[in-house]
């Protein structure tokens, strides 16, 4: 994957959405790991649409239990998944 977006702040939604759309337009392979309060973004309909273009998306399971609502539409993961995604990324962007 070319870029991994590590997102820990829910307020990052507009920036994340714009970056994911830009990656899709340029056909850049990207992934997203949502953790902490940003886990709620997995329930955001606009972000969910933008996440569909990603090669891999994971939501921290513990963060989803704490901040999410209902069932998560994306894969629940752990910090082990986060580490694996970091290892496979050429670049990392933290939001």
C-alpha atoms as a PDB file:
ATOM      1  CA  UNK A   1       0.000   0.000   0.000  1.00  0.00           C
ATOM      2  CA  UNK A   2       1.267   3.479  -0.826  1.00  0.00           C
ATOM      3  CA  UNK A   3      -0.284   5.461   2.047  1.00  0.00           C
ATOM      4  CA  UNK A   4      -1.704   4.429   5.396  1.00  0.00           C
ATOM      5  CA  UNK A   5      -3.897   6.937   7.191  1.00  0.00           C
ATOM      6  CA  UNK A   6      -3.812   6.450  10.968  1.00  0.00           C
ATOM      7  CA  UNK A   7      -6.806   8.352  12.299  1.00  0.00           C
ATOM      8  CA  UNK A   8      -7.368   8.985  16.002  1.00  0.00           C
ATOM      9  CA  UNK A   9      -9.477  12.153  15.989  1.00  0.00           C
ATOM     10  CA  UNK A  10     -13.111  12.270  14.850  1.00  0.00           C
ATOM     11  CA  UNK A  11     -12.607  15.926  13.870  1.00  0.00           C
ATOM     12  CA  UNK A  12     -10.357  14.689  11.070  1.00  0.00           C
ATOM     13  CA  UNK A  13     -13.360  13.538   9.028  1.00  0.00           C
ATOM     14  CA  UNK A  14     -13.306  16.355   6.417  1.00  0.00           C
ATOM     15  CA  UNK A  15      -9.551  16.071   5.907  1.00  0.00           C
ATOM     16  CA  UNK A  16      -9.683  12.271   5.702  1.00  0.00           C
ATOM     17  CA  UNK A  17     -12.541  12.387   3.228  1.00  0.00           C
ATOM     18  CA  UNK A  18     -10.677  14.826   0.976  1.00  0.00           C
ATOM     19  CA  UNK A  19      -7.466  12.816   1.106  1.00  0.00           C
ATOM     20  CA  UNK A  20      -9.254   9.537   0.344  1.00  0.00           C
ATOM     21  CA  UNK A  21     -11.008  11.100  -2.645  1.00  0.00           C
ATOM     22  CA  UNK A  22      -7.703  12.485  -3.917  1.00  0.00           C
ATOM     23  CA  UNK A  23      -6.106   9.043  -3.583  1.00  0.00           C
ATOM     24  CA  UNK A  24      -9.005   7.463  -5.480  1.00  0.00           C
ATOM     25  CA  UNK A  25      -8.702  10.014  -8.293  1.00  0.00           C
ATOM     26  CA  UNK A  26      -4.950   9.409  -8.600  1.00  0.00           C
ATOM     27  CA  UNK A  27      -5.352   5.635  -8.151  1.00  0.00           C
ATOM     28  CA  UNK A  28      -3.091   5.644  -5.090  1.00  0.00           C
ATOM     29  CA  UNK A  29      -3.405   2.488  -3.006  1.00  0.00           C
ATOM     30  CA  UNK A  30      -4.266   3.499   0.526  1.00  0.00           C
ATOM     31  CA  UNK A  31      -5.481   2.046   3.778  1.00  0.00           C
ATOM     32  CA  UNK A  32      -7.054   3.426   6.936  1.00  0.00           C
ATOM     33  CA  UNK A  33      -6.813   2.422  10.575  1.00  0.00           C
ATOM     34  CA  UNK A  34      -9.377   4.139  12.809  1.00  0.00           C
ATOM     35  CA  UNK A  35      -8.675   4.208  16.527  1.00  0.00           C
ATOM     36  CA  UNK A  36      -9.735   6.099  19.644  1.00  0.00           C
ATOM     37  CA  UNK A  37     -12.589   8.573  19.158  1.00  0.00           C
ATOM     38  CA  UNK A  38     -12.082   8.358  15.377  1.00  0.00           C
ATOM     39  CA  UNK A  39     -13.664   4.894  15.440  1.00  0.00           C
ATOM     40  CA  UNK A  40     -17.049   6.645  15.148  1.00  0.00           C
ATOM     41  CA  UNK A  41     -16.065   7.649  11.600  1.00  0.00           C
ATOM     42  CA  UNK A  42     -16.716   4.054  10.558  1.00  0.00           C
ATOM     43  CA  UNK A  43     -20.403   4.851  11.097  1.00  0.00           C
ATOM     44  CA  UNK A  44     -20.277   8.061   9.028  1.00  0.00           C
ATOM     45  CA  UNK A  45     -22.056   7.423   5.682  1.00  0.00           C
ATOM     46  CA  UNK A  46     -19.806   9.786   3.669  1.00  0.00           C
ATOM     47  CA  UNK A  47     -16.613   8.389   5.159  1.00  0.00           C
ATOM     48  CA  UNK A  48     -17.923   4.865   4.538  1.00  0.00           C
ATOM     49  CA  UNK A  49     -18.306   5.675   0.829  1.00  0.00           C
ATOM     50  CA  UNK A  50     -14.766   7.074   0.716  1.00  0.00           C
ATOM     51  CA  UNK A  51     -13.366   4.040   2.564  1.00  0.00           C
ATOM     52  CA  UNK A  52     -14.630   1.689  -0.153  1.00  0.00           C
ATOM     53  CA  UNK A  53     -11.761   2.759  -2.433  1.00  0.00           C
ATOM     54  CA  UNK A  54      -9.156   1.695   0.155  1.00  0.00           C
ATOM     55  CA  UNK A  55      -7.201  -1.517  -0.138  1.00  0.00           C
ATOM     56  CA  UNK A  56      -7.578  -2.165   3.595  1.00  0.00           C
ATOM     57  CA  UNK A  57      -9.623  -0.614   6.393  1.00  0.00           C
ATOM     58  CA  UNK A  58      -9.589  -1.620  10.041  1.00  0.00           C
ATOM     59  CA  UNK A  59     -11.321  -0.163  13.066  1.00  0.00           C
ATOM     60  CA  UNK A  60      -9.821  -0.745  16.498  1.00  0.00           C
ATOM     61  CA  UNK A  61     -12.210  -3.173  18.156  1.00  0.00           C
ATOM     62  CA  UNK A  62     -11.791  -1.681  21.623  1.00  0.00           C
ATOM     63  CA  UNK A  63     -12.321   1.838  20.298  1.00  0.00           C
ATOM     64  CA  UNK A  64     -15.466   0.727  18.464  1.00  0.00           C
ATOM     65  CA  UNK A  65     -16.825  -0.815  21.671  1.00  0.00           C
ATOM     66  CA  UNK A  66     -16.193   2.461  23.476  1.00  0.00           C
ATOM     67  CA  UNK A  67     -17.140   5.069  20.862  1.00  0.00           C
ATOM     68  CA  UNK A  68     -19.086   3.257  18.113  1.00  0.00           C
ATOM     69  CA  UNK A  69     -22.790   2.680  17.770  1.00  0.00           C
ATOM     70  CA  UNK A  70     -24.407  -0.527  16.556  1.00  0.00           C
ATOM     71  CA  UNK A  71     -22.584  -2.939  14.308  1.00  0.00           C
ATOM     72  CA  UNK A  72     -19.484  -1.766  12.476  1.00  0.00           C
ATOM     73  CA  UNK A  73     -19.629  -1.976   8.680  1.00  0.00           C
ATOM     74  CA  UNK A  74     -15.845  -2.264   8.445  1.00  0.00           C
ATOM     75  CA  UNK A  75     -13.450  -4.911   9.717  1.00  0.00           C
ATOM     76  CA  UNK A  76     -12.730  -4.715  13.416  1.00  0.00           C
ATOM     77  CA  UNK A  77      -9.057  -5.092  14.202  1.00  0.00           C
ATOM     78  CA  UNK A  78      -6.427  -4.752  16.859  1.00  0.00           C
ATOM     79  CA  UNK A  79      -3.150  -2.959  17.307  1.00  0.00           C
ATOM     80  CA  UNK A  80      -1.590  -6.049  15.716  1.00  0.00           C
ATOM     81  CA  UNK A  81      -3.539  -5.235  12.538  1.00  0.00           C
ATOM     82  CA  UNK A  82      -2.364  -1.644  12.874  1.00  0.00           C
ATOM     83  CA  UNK A  83       1.264  -2.839  13.075  1.00  0.00           C
ATOM     84  CA  UNK A  84       0.850  -5.052  10.013  1.00  0.00           C
ATOM     85  CA  UNK A  85      -0.648  -2.175   8.055  1.00  0.00           C
ATOM     86  CA  UNK A  86       2.211   0.123   9.115  1.00  0.00           C
ATOM     87  CA  UNK A  87       4.740  -2.480   7.986  1.00  0.00           C
ATOM     88  CA  UNK A  88       3.165  -2.701   4.521  1.00  0.00           C
ATOM     89  CA  UNK A  89       2.820   1.074   3.960  1.00  0.00           C
ATOM     90  CA  UNK A  90       5.305   3.159   2.015  1.00  0.00           C
ATOM     91  CA  UNK A  91       4.059   6.358   3.713  1.00  0.00           C
ATOM     92  CA  UNK A  92       2.092   7.044   6.884  1.00  0.00           C
ATOM     93  CA  UNK A  93      -0.166  10.015   7.516  1.00  0.00           C
ATOM     94  CA  UNK A  94      -1.436  10.529  11.040  1.00  0.00           C
ATOM     95  CA  UNK A  95      -4.640  12.486  11.568  1.00  0.00           C
END
